[in-house]
């Protein structure tokens, strides 16, 4: 097949093969297009269970201009990340990724099936930013957590950015991350 490998084809194949176990797990949620930092950037596919994993897709028609900004945005929030790229992008893209990012090549075989091969395994991200993580919460979710922690009604009426700062001050990062993952799962 001489057609160029498109984002939606890579995404569908990833859902069907790479993410099949995650999708079948009742404790895991898979979200397409998860907005980061109030929509400034999007994770192509987010897998949320005991961690937040991000998958970025670069199809054949894509360019890599936005990748450095996406890497920075993912790095503030996700625990692990993998780039899935068409073969024409993989070598250059891998030079733009920090060591903790994994990389996979997505290639269409003559049969038409999309085949994934690991270029580099992913590792834990040690640079998650608690404030950016808190911003994944909707305002009512942040307020509900603060209410559970005994936050005053006066505090709960403040702007959402104040609520996020208060959460970061009140909770260790691991506990904050647990609250954020739970909120994303129950939406």
N, C-alpha and C. Protein backbone atom coordinates (compact mmCIF):
# COMPACT_ATOMS: atom_id res chain seq x y z
N UNK A 1 0.85 -1.19 0.00
CA UNK A 1 0.00 0.00 0.00
C UNK A 1 0.88 1.24 0.00
N UNK A 2 0.70 2.11 -0.96
CA UNK A 2 1.55 3.27 -1.09
C UNK A 2 1.05 4.50 -0.36
N UNK A 3 -0.04 4.38 0.37
CA UNK A 3 -0.57 5.57 1.04
C UNK A 3 0.24 5.90 2.28
N UNK A 4 0.29 7.19 2.59
CA UNK A 4 1.05 7.66 3.75
C UNK A 4 0.33 7.25 5.04
N UNK A 5 1.11 6.88 6.02
CA UNK A 5 0.57 6.48 7.31
C UNK A 5 0.04 7.71 8.04
N UNK A 6 -1.25 7.67 8.39
CA UNK A 6 -1.91 8.82 9.00
C UNK A 6 -2.03 8.65 10.51
N UNK A 7 -2.19 9.79 11.20
CA UNK A 7 -2.35 9.81 12.66
C UNK A 7 -3.46 8.86 13.11
N UNK A 8 -4.65 8.96 12.47
CA UNK A 8 -5.77 8.15 12.93
C UNK A 8 -5.52 6.65 12.75
N UNK A 9 -4.73 6.28 11.75
CA UNK A 9 -4.39 4.86 11.56
C UNK A 9 -3.44 4.38 12.65
N UNK A 10 -2.44 5.20 12.97
CA UNK A 10 -1.50 4.85 14.03
C UNK A 10 -2.25 4.76 15.36
N UNK A 11 -3.10 5.72 15.61
CA UNK A 11 -3.88 5.77 16.85
C UNK A 11 -4.75 4.52 16.99
N UNK A 12 -5.49 4.17 15.92
CA UNK A 12 -6.37 3.00 15.96
C UNK A 12 -5.58 1.71 16.19
N UNK A 13 -4.44 1.59 15.51
CA UNK A 13 -3.60 0.39 15.68
C UNK A 13 -3.03 0.34 17.09
N UNK A 14 -2.64 1.49 17.65
CA UNK A 14 -2.11 1.53 19.02
C UNK A 14 -3.19 1.11 20.01
N UNK A 15 -4.41 1.62 19.82
CA UNK A 15 -5.52 1.23 20.71
C UNK A 15 -5.77 -0.28 20.61
N UNK A 16 -5.73 -0.82 19.40
CA UNK A 16 -6.06 -2.24 19.19
C UNK A 16 -4.97 -3.18 19.69
N UNK A 17 -3.72 -2.76 19.63
CA UNK A 17 -2.64 -3.69 19.98
C UNK A 17 -1.90 -3.25 21.25
N UNK A 18 -1.21 -2.13 21.19
CA UNK A 18 -0.37 -1.69 22.31
C UNK A 18 -1.17 -1.41 23.57
N UNK A 19 -2.39 -0.91 23.41
CA UNK A 19 -3.19 -0.48 24.56
C UNK A 19 -4.33 -1.44 24.89
N UNK A 20 -4.36 -2.60 24.25
CA UNK A 20 -5.48 -3.54 24.45
C UNK A 20 -5.60 -3.96 25.91
N UNK A 21 -4.48 -4.28 26.56
CA UNK A 21 -4.55 -4.71 27.97
C UNK A 21 -4.99 -3.57 28.87
N UNK A 22 -4.47 -2.36 28.63
CA UNK A 22 -4.85 -1.20 29.44
C UNK A 22 -6.34 -0.92 29.28
N UNK A 23 -6.84 -1.01 28.06
CA UNK A 23 -8.26 -0.73 27.79
C UNK A 23 -9.16 -1.77 28.45
N UNK A 24 -8.66 -2.98 28.62
CA UNK A 24 -9.46 -4.05 29.23
C UNK A 24 -9.43 -4.00 30.76
N UNK A 25 -8.52 -3.26 31.33
CA UNK A 25 -8.36 -3.20 32.78
C UNK A 25 -9.39 -2.22 33.37
N UNK A 26 -10.23 -2.70 34.30
CA UNK A 26 -11.26 -1.81 34.86
C UNK A 26 -10.70 -0.65 35.67
N UNK A 27 -9.46 -0.76 36.12
CA UNK A 27 -8.83 0.29 36.94
C UNK A 27 -8.09 1.32 36.08
N UNK A 28 -8.15 1.16 34.77
CA UNK A 28 -7.39 2.02 33.86
C UNK A 28 -8.33 2.73 32.91
N UNK A 29 -8.01 3.99 32.63
CA UNK A 29 -8.78 4.74 31.63
C UNK A 29 -7.82 5.22 30.55
N UNK A 30 -8.27 5.14 29.31
CA UNK A 30 -7.48 5.60 28.17
C UNK A 30 -8.24 6.78 27.57
N UNK A 31 -7.57 7.94 27.49
CA UNK A 31 -8.21 9.17 27.02
C UNK A 31 -7.47 9.67 25.78
N UNK A 32 -8.21 9.89 24.70
CA UNK A 32 -7.65 10.55 23.52
C UNK A 32 -7.71 12.05 23.74
N UNK A 33 -6.62 12.74 23.39
CA UNK A 33 -6.57 14.21 23.42
C UNK A 33 -6.81 14.80 24.81
N UNK A 34 -6.00 14.41 25.77
CA UNK A 34 -6.09 14.98 27.12
C UNK A 34 -5.40 16.34 27.12
N UNK A 35 -6.16 17.38 27.44
CA UNK A 35 -5.61 18.74 27.46
C UNK A 35 -4.70 18.95 28.66
N UNK A 36 -3.56 19.60 28.42
CA UNK A 36 -2.62 19.95 29.48
C UNK A 36 -2.62 21.46 29.64
N UNK A 37 -2.40 21.91 30.86
CA UNK A 37 -2.27 23.35 31.14
C UNK A 37 -3.43 24.13 30.52
N UNK A 38 -4.64 23.68 30.82
CA UNK A 38 -5.87 24.31 30.32
C UNK A 38 -5.91 24.39 28.79
N UNK A 39 -5.48 23.33 28.14
CA UNK A 39 -5.61 23.23 26.69
C UNK A 39 -4.45 23.80 25.89
N UNK A 40 -3.40 24.26 26.56
CA UNK A 40 -2.24 24.81 25.84
C UNK A 40 -1.57 23.73 24.98
N UNK A 41 -1.69 22.49 25.40
CA UNK A 41 -1.09 21.36 24.70
C UNK A 41 -1.98 20.15 24.95
N UNK A 42 -1.92 19.16 24.09
CA UNK A 42 -2.72 17.95 24.27
C UNK A 42 -1.84 16.71 24.20
N UNK A 43 -2.15 15.75 25.06
CA UNK A 43 -1.53 14.43 24.99
C UNK A 43 -2.37 13.64 24.00
N UNK A 44 -1.75 13.09 22.96
CA UNK A 44 -2.52 12.35 21.95
C UNK A 44 -3.31 11.22 22.60
N UNK A 45 -2.63 10.39 23.39
CA UNK A 45 -3.31 9.32 24.13
C UNK A 45 -2.74 9.31 25.55
N UNK A 46 -3.62 9.41 26.53
CA UNK A 46 -3.20 9.33 27.94
C UNK A 46 -3.75 8.03 28.51
N UNK A 47 -2.90 7.31 29.24
CA UNK A 47 -3.29 6.09 29.92
C UNK A 47 -3.15 6.37 31.41
N UNK A 48 -4.27 6.27 32.12
CA UNK A 48 -4.26 6.63 33.53
C UNK A 48 -4.65 5.43 34.37
N UNK A 49 -3.72 5.02 35.21
CA UNK A 49 -3.98 3.99 36.22
C UNK A 49 -3.19 4.39 37.45
N UNK A 50 -2.19 3.62 37.86
CA UNK A 50 -1.34 4.03 38.98
C UNK A 50 -0.36 5.12 38.59
N UNK A 51 -0.30 5.41 37.31
CA UNK A 51 0.57 6.45 36.75
C UNK A 51 -0.21 7.17 35.65
N UNK A 52 0.36 8.25 35.18
CA UNK A 52 -0.16 8.89 33.97
C UNK A 52 0.90 8.68 32.89
N UNK A 53 0.51 7.99 31.84
CA UNK A 53 1.42 7.74 30.72
C UNK A 53 0.91 8.52 29.52
N UNK A 54 1.82 9.18 28.82
CA UNK A 54 1.44 9.94 27.64
C UNK A 54 2.03 9.31 26.39
N UNK A 55 1.24 9.31 25.32
CA UNK A 55 1.69 8.81 24.02
C UNK A 55 1.53 9.95 23.02
N UNK A 56 2.61 10.31 22.38
CA UNK A 56 2.59 11.33 21.32
C UNK A 56 2.77 10.61 19.99
N UNK A 57 1.96 11.00 18.99
CA UNK A 57 2.00 10.37 17.67
C UNK A 57 2.50 11.37 16.64
N UNK A 58 3.44 10.95 15.83
CA UNK A 58 3.91 11.75 14.70
C UNK A 58 3.77 10.89 13.44
N UNK A 59 2.74 11.18 12.64
CA UNK A 59 2.49 10.44 11.41
C UNK A 59 3.39 10.99 10.29
N UNK A 60 3.32 10.37 9.14
CA UNK A 60 4.21 10.75 8.04
C UNK A 60 4.05 12.20 7.62
N UNK A 61 2.82 12.71 7.61
CA UNK A 61 2.58 14.08 7.15
C UNK A 61 2.94 15.13 8.22
N UNK A 62 3.16 14.70 9.45
CA UNK A 62 3.48 15.64 10.52
C UNK A 62 4.87 16.22 10.36
N UNK A 63 5.07 17.35 11.02
CA UNK A 63 6.41 17.92 11.14
C UNK A 63 6.76 17.89 12.62
N UNK A 64 8.03 18.07 12.93
CA UNK A 64 8.49 17.95 14.31
C UNK A 64 8.65 19.29 15.02
N UNK A 65 8.21 20.38 14.38
CA UNK A 65 8.40 21.72 14.94
C UNK A 65 7.85 21.87 16.36
N UNK A 66 6.70 21.28 16.63
CA UNK A 66 6.06 21.44 17.94
C UNK A 66 6.56 20.45 18.97
N UNK A 67 7.34 19.45 18.57
CA UNK A 67 7.75 18.39 19.49
C UNK A 67 8.49 18.90 20.73
N UNK A 68 9.46 19.82 20.62
CA UNK A 68 10.13 20.28 21.84
C UNK A 68 9.16 20.89 22.87
N UNK A 69 8.18 21.66 22.43
CA UNK A 69 7.18 22.22 23.33
C UNK A 69 6.29 21.16 23.93
N UNK A 70 5.94 20.15 23.11
CA UNK A 70 5.12 19.05 23.60
C UNK A 70 5.88 18.23 24.63
N UNK A 71 7.17 18.01 24.39
CA UNK A 71 8.02 17.27 25.33
C UNK A 71 8.04 17.99 26.68
N UNK A 72 8.19 19.31 26.65
CA UNK A 72 8.22 20.10 27.89
C UNK A 72 6.88 20.01 28.61
N UNK A 73 5.77 20.13 27.87
CA UNK A 73 4.44 20.07 28.49
C UNK A 73 4.17 18.69 29.08
N UNK A 74 4.51 17.64 28.35
CA UNK A 74 4.33 16.29 28.87
C UNK A 74 5.19 16.11 30.13
N UNK A 75 6.41 16.61 30.07
CA UNK A 75 7.36 16.41 31.17
C UNK A 75 6.91 17.00 32.49
N UNK A 76 6.06 18.02 32.43
CA UNK A 76 5.56 18.64 33.66
C UNK A 76 4.46 17.81 34.31
N UNK A 77 3.86 16.86 33.57
CA UNK A 77 2.67 16.17 34.06
C UNK A 77 2.75 14.64 34.05
N UNK A 78 3.27 14.05 32.99
CA UNK A 78 3.18 12.59 32.87
C UNK A 78 4.32 11.89 33.59
N UNK A 79 4.02 10.68 34.07
CA UNK A 79 5.03 9.87 34.76
C UNK A 79 5.92 9.13 33.76
N UNK A 80 5.35 8.81 32.60
CA UNK A 80 6.08 8.12 31.54
C UNK A 80 5.54 8.60 30.20
N UNK A 81 6.37 8.56 29.17
CA UNK A 81 5.92 8.99 27.84
C UNK A 81 6.61 8.19 26.75
N UNK A 82 5.88 8.00 25.67
CA UNK A 82 6.41 7.33 24.49
C UNK A 82 5.99 8.09 23.25
N UNK A 83 6.92 8.25 22.34
CA UNK A 83 6.63 8.80 21.02
C UNK A 83 6.46 7.62 20.07
N UNK A 84 5.36 7.64 19.32
CA UNK A 84 5.17 6.68 18.23
C UNK A 84 5.27 7.49 16.95
N UNK A 85 6.24 7.16 16.12
CA UNK A 85 6.49 7.97 14.93
C UNK A 85 6.65 7.11 13.68
N UNK A 86 6.28 7.73 12.56
CA UNK A 86 6.54 7.11 11.26
C UNK A 86 8.06 7.00 11.10
N UNK A 87 8.54 5.99 10.38
CA UNK A 87 9.99 5.79 10.24
C UNK A 87 10.75 7.03 9.78
N UNK A 88 10.14 7.86 8.94
CA UNK A 88 10.86 9.03 8.42
C UNK A 88 11.18 10.05 9.52
N UNK A 89 10.47 9.99 10.65
CA UNK A 89 10.68 10.94 11.74
C UNK A 89 11.52 10.39 12.89
N UNK A 90 11.63 9.08 13.00
CA UNK A 90 12.10 8.49 14.25
C UNK A 90 13.51 8.93 14.63
N UNK A 91 14.45 8.93 13.70
CA UNK A 91 15.84 9.28 14.07
C UNK A 91 15.94 10.71 14.58
N UNK A 92 15.37 11.66 13.84
CA UNK A 92 15.43 13.07 14.27
C UNK A 92 14.65 13.26 15.57
N UNK A 93 13.46 12.66 15.66
CA UNK A 93 12.62 12.84 16.85
C UNK A 93 13.33 12.33 18.10
N UNK A 94 14.02 11.23 18.01
CA UNK A 94 14.68 10.66 19.19
C UNK A 94 15.75 11.61 19.73
N UNK A 95 16.35 12.42 18.87
CA UNK A 95 17.36 13.38 19.36
C UNK A 95 16.71 14.53 20.12
N UNK A 96 15.39 14.72 19.94
CA UNK A 96 14.67 15.81 20.61
C UNK A 96 14.04 15.38 21.93
N UNK A 97 14.13 14.09 22.24
CA UNK A 97 13.48 13.56 23.44
C UNK A 97 14.46 13.37 24.59
N UNK A 98 14.04 13.69 25.82
CA UNK A 98 14.89 13.37 26.98
C UNK A 98 14.99 11.85 27.13
N UNK A 99 15.99 11.41 27.89
CA UNK A 99 16.25 9.98 28.04
C UNK A 99 15.09 9.18 28.61
N UNK A 100 14.23 9.82 29.41
CA UNK A 100 13.13 9.07 30.03
C UNK A 100 12.01 8.74 29.05
N UNK A 101 11.96 9.44 27.92
CA UNK A 101 10.95 9.14 26.90
C UNK A 101 11.30 7.85 26.18
N UNK A 102 10.27 7.05 25.89
CA UNK A 102 10.45 5.90 25.03
C UNK A 102 10.15 6.29 23.59
N UNK A 103 10.57 5.44 22.67
CA UNK A 103 10.30 5.68 21.26
C UNK A 103 9.90 4.41 20.56
N UNK A 104 8.93 4.54 19.65
CA UNK A 104 8.49 3.40 18.84
C UNK A 104 8.33 3.86 17.40
N UNK A 105 8.65 2.97 16.50
CA UNK A 105 8.43 3.23 15.09
C UNK A 105 7.13 2.53 14.68
N UNK A 106 6.31 3.21 13.87
CA UNK A 106 5.08 2.63 13.35
C UNK A 106 5.21 2.55 11.84
N UNK A 107 5.07 1.35 11.34
CA UNK A 107 5.30 1.13 9.91
C UNK A 107 4.20 0.24 9.32
N UNK A 108 3.72 0.62 8.13
CA UNK A 108 2.72 -0.20 7.47
C UNK A 108 3.43 -1.31 6.69
N UNK A 109 3.03 -2.52 6.96
CA UNK A 109 3.58 -3.67 6.23
C UNK A 109 2.82 -3.85 4.92
N UNK A 110 3.36 -4.64 3.97
CA UNK A 110 2.67 -4.85 2.69
C UNK A 110 1.23 -5.37 2.87
N UNK A 111 0.99 -6.09 3.95
CA UNK A 111 -0.36 -6.61 4.22
C UNK A 111 -1.34 -5.50 4.58
N UNK A 112 -0.79 -4.30 4.89
CA UNK A 112 -1.63 -3.19 5.32
C UNK A 112 -1.65 -3.03 6.83
N UNK A 113 -1.21 -4.07 7.55
CA UNK A 113 -1.18 -4.02 9.01
C UNK A 113 -0.08 -3.07 9.48
N UNK A 114 -0.35 -2.37 10.58
CA UNK A 114 0.65 -1.46 11.13
C UNK A 114 1.45 -2.21 12.19
N UNK A 115 2.76 -2.14 12.05
CA UNK A 115 3.67 -2.86 12.94
C UNK A 115 4.44 -1.84 13.77
N UNK A 116 4.52 -2.08 15.08
CA UNK A 116 5.25 -1.20 15.99
C UNK A 116 6.54 -1.87 16.42
N UNK A 117 7.63 -1.12 16.41
CA UNK A 117 8.88 -1.66 16.94
C UNK A 117 9.47 -0.66 17.93
N UNK A 118 9.95 -1.18 19.05
CA UNK A 118 10.51 -0.34 20.10
C UNK A 118 11.89 0.13 19.69
N UNK A 119 12.08 1.44 19.74
CA UNK A 119 13.38 2.04 19.45
C UNK A 119 14.12 2.26 20.78
N UNK A 120 13.37 2.68 21.79
CA UNK A 120 13.94 2.89 23.12
C UNK A 120 12.82 2.73 24.14
N UNK A 121 13.05 1.98 25.23
CA UNK A 121 12.01 1.83 26.25
C UNK A 121 11.86 3.12 27.06
N UNK A 122 10.65 3.32 27.59
CA UNK A 122 10.41 4.50 28.42
C UNK A 122 10.88 4.24 29.86
N UNK A 123 11.14 5.33 30.56
CA UNK A 123 11.55 5.27 31.97
C UNK A 123 10.73 6.28 32.76
N UNK A 124 10.86 6.24 34.07
CA UNK A 124 10.11 7.16 34.92
C UNK A 124 10.61 8.59 34.75
N UNK A 125 9.68 9.51 34.70
CA UNK A 125 9.97 10.94 34.65
C UNK A 125 10.12 11.43 36.08
N UNK A 126 11.24 12.00 36.41
CA UNK A 126 11.47 12.51 37.76
C UNK A 126 11.18 14.02 37.86
N UNK A 127 10.68 14.62 36.75
CA UNK A 127 10.53 16.07 36.73
C UNK A 127 9.09 16.59 36.72
N UNK A 128 8.13 15.79 37.21
CA UNK A 128 6.73 16.24 37.21
C UNK A 128 6.61 17.50 38.07
N UNK A 129 5.91 18.50 37.56
CA UNK A 129 5.69 19.76 38.28
C UNK A 129 4.34 19.71 38.98
N UNK A 130 4.32 19.76 40.32
CA UNK A 130 3.05 19.63 41.04
C UNK A 130 1.99 20.66 40.64
N UNK A 131 2.37 21.89 40.38
CA UNK A 131 1.39 22.91 40.02
C UNK A 131 0.76 22.61 38.66
N UNK A 132 1.57 22.21 37.70
CA UNK A 132 1.04 21.85 36.37
C UNK A 132 0.15 20.63 36.48
N UNK A 133 0.55 19.68 37.32
CA UNK A 133 -0.27 18.49 37.57
C UNK A 133 -1.63 18.89 38.16
N UNK A 134 -1.62 19.78 39.13
CA UNK A 134 -2.87 20.25 39.75
C UNK A 134 -3.79 20.90 38.71
N UNK A 135 -3.20 21.55 37.71
CA UNK A 135 -4.01 22.23 36.68
C UNK A 135 -4.78 21.26 35.79
N UNK A 136 -4.52 19.96 35.89
CA UNK A 136 -5.34 18.99 35.17
C UNK A 136 -6.74 18.90 35.78
N UNK A 137 -6.86 19.35 37.02
CA UNK A 137 -8.15 19.31 37.71
C UNK A 137 -9.05 20.44 37.21
N UNK A 138 -10.33 20.15 37.13
CA UNK A 138 -11.30 21.20 36.92
C UNK A 138 -11.49 21.92 38.24
N UNK A 139 -11.92 23.14 38.20
CA UNK A 139 -12.07 23.94 39.42
C UNK A 139 -12.92 23.23 40.48
N UNK A 140 -14.11 22.67 40.12
CA UNK A 140 -14.91 21.98 41.15
C UNK A 140 -14.18 20.78 41.77
N UNK A 141 -13.34 20.10 40.97
CA UNK A 141 -12.58 18.97 41.50
C UNK A 141 -11.55 19.45 42.52
N UNK A 142 -10.84 20.53 42.19
CA UNK A 142 -9.85 21.09 43.11
C UNK A 142 -10.54 21.55 44.40
N UNK A 143 -11.69 22.21 44.26
CA UNK A 143 -12.43 22.68 45.43
C UNK A 143 -12.88 21.51 46.30
N UNK A 144 -13.34 20.43 45.68
CA UNK A 144 -13.81 19.26 46.44
C UNK A 144 -12.66 18.64 47.25
N UNK A 145 -11.48 18.56 46.67
CA UNK A 145 -10.32 18.00 47.39
C UNK A 145 -9.97 18.91 48.57
N UNK A 146 -9.94 20.21 48.32
CA UNK A 146 -9.64 21.15 49.41
C UNK A 146 -10.71 21.11 50.50
N UNK A 147 -11.95 20.92 50.11
CA UNK A 147 -13.04 20.81 51.09
C UNK A 147 -12.79 19.58 51.97
N UNK A 148 -12.42 18.45 51.33
CA UNK A 148 -12.08 17.22 52.09
C UNK A 148 -10.95 17.47 53.08
N UNK A 149 -10.02 18.34 52.70
CA UNK A 149 -8.87 18.65 53.55
C UNK A 149 -9.20 19.70 54.61
N UNK A 150 -10.45 20.15 54.63
CA UNK A 150 -10.85 21.13 55.63
C UNK A 150 -10.70 22.58 55.21
N UNK A 151 -10.58 22.81 53.89
CA UNK A 151 -10.45 24.18 53.39
C UNK A 151 -11.70 25.00 53.69
N UNK A 152 -11.51 26.26 54.02
CA UNK A 152 -12.63 27.15 54.36
C UNK A 152 -13.44 27.49 53.11
N UNK A 153 -14.72 27.84 53.33
CA UNK A 153 -15.57 28.24 52.21
C UNK A 153 -15.01 29.50 51.52
N UNK A 154 -14.38 30.37 52.32
CA UNK A 154 -13.76 31.58 51.75
C UNK A 154 -12.66 31.18 50.75
N UNK A 155 -11.82 30.22 51.15
CA UNK A 155 -10.76 29.71 50.26
C UNK A 155 -11.37 29.11 49.00
N UNK A 156 -12.42 28.34 49.16
CA UNK A 156 -13.01 27.62 48.03
C UNK A 156 -13.63 28.55 46.99
N UNK A 157 -13.88 29.81 47.35
CA UNK A 157 -14.44 30.78 46.40
C UNK A 157 -13.35 31.54 45.63
N UNK A 158 -12.11 31.31 45.98
CA UNK A 158 -11.01 32.04 45.33
C UNK A 158 -10.79 31.52 43.90
N UNK A 159 -10.04 32.26 43.07
CA UNK A 159 -9.76 31.82 41.69
C UNK A 159 -9.10 30.44 41.65
N UNK A 160 -9.33 29.74 40.56
CA UNK A 160 -8.85 28.35 40.48
C UNK A 160 -7.33 28.25 40.65
N UNK A 161 -6.59 29.23 40.16
CA UNK A 161 -5.12 29.18 40.30
C UNK A 161 -4.73 29.18 41.78
N UNK A 162 -5.47 29.92 42.61
CA UNK A 162 -5.22 29.91 44.06
C UNK A 162 -5.51 28.53 44.64
N UNK A 163 -6.57 27.89 44.14
CA UNK A 163 -6.90 26.55 44.62
C UNK A 163 -5.78 25.57 44.27
N UNK A 164 -5.24 25.68 43.05
CA UNK A 164 -4.15 24.80 42.65
C UNK A 164 -2.93 25.00 43.55
N UNK A 165 -2.59 26.26 43.80
CA UNK A 165 -1.43 26.55 44.68
C UNK A 165 -1.66 25.99 46.08
N UNK A 166 -2.88 26.11 46.56
CA UNK A 166 -3.22 25.61 47.89
C UNK A 166 -3.08 24.08 47.94
N UNK A 167 -3.52 23.41 46.89
CA UNK A 167 -3.38 21.95 46.82
C UNK A 167 -1.91 21.53 46.85
N UNK A 168 -1.09 22.24 46.07
CA UNK A 168 0.34 21.93 46.02
C UNK A 168 0.97 22.11 47.40
N UNK A 169 0.56 23.15 48.11
CA UNK A 169 1.10 23.42 49.44
C UNK A 169 0.61 22.39 50.47
N UNK A 170 -0.61 21.89 50.27
CA UNK A 170 -1.24 21.03 51.27
C UNK A 170 -0.91 19.55 51.12
N UNK A 171 -0.55 19.13 49.91
CA UNK A 171 -0.40 17.69 49.66
C UNK A 171 0.99 17.34 49.14
N UNK A 172 1.56 16.23 49.62
CA UNK A 172 2.79 15.73 48.98
C UNK A 172 2.48 15.36 47.52
N UNK A 173 3.47 15.44 46.66
CA UNK A 173 3.26 15.22 45.22
C UNK A 173 2.57 13.89 44.93
N UNK A 174 2.97 12.83 45.63
CA UNK A 174 2.37 11.51 45.35
C UNK A 174 0.87 11.50 45.64
N UNK A 175 0.49 12.15 46.74
CA UNK A 175 -0.93 12.20 47.10
C UNK A 175 -1.70 13.11 46.13
N UNK A 176 -1.10 14.22 45.76
CA UNK A 176 -1.71 15.10 44.77
C UNK A 176 -1.93 14.33 43.47
N UNK A 177 -0.90 13.61 43.03
CA UNK A 177 -0.99 12.83 41.79
C UNK A 177 -2.11 11.79 41.88
N UNK A 178 -2.26 11.17 43.03
CA UNK A 178 -3.32 10.18 43.24
C UNK A 178 -4.69 10.83 43.10
N UNK A 179 -4.88 12.00 43.70
CA UNK A 179 -6.15 12.73 43.57
C UNK A 179 -6.42 13.11 42.11
N UNK A 180 -5.39 13.59 41.42
CA UNK A 180 -5.57 13.98 40.01
C UNK A 180 -5.96 12.77 39.17
N UNK A 181 -5.26 11.65 39.34
CA UNK A 181 -5.58 10.44 38.56
C UNK A 181 -7.01 10.00 38.83
N UNK A 182 -7.41 10.03 40.11
CA UNK A 182 -8.78 9.62 40.46
C UNK A 182 -9.80 10.54 39.77
N UNK A 183 -9.58 11.84 39.81
CA UNK A 183 -10.50 12.79 39.20
C UNK A 183 -10.62 12.56 37.70
N UNK A 184 -9.49 12.31 37.03
CA UNK A 184 -9.52 12.05 35.59
C UNK A 184 -10.30 10.77 35.27
N UNK A 185 -10.15 9.76 36.12
CA UNK A 185 -10.82 8.49 35.88
C UNK A 185 -12.33 8.57 36.05
N UNK A 186 -12.81 9.40 36.98
CA UNK A 186 -14.24 9.41 37.26
C UNK A 186 -15.01 10.45 36.46
N UNK A 187 -14.35 11.22 35.65
CA UNK A 187 -15.06 12.24 34.83
C UNK A 187 -16.03 11.58 33.88
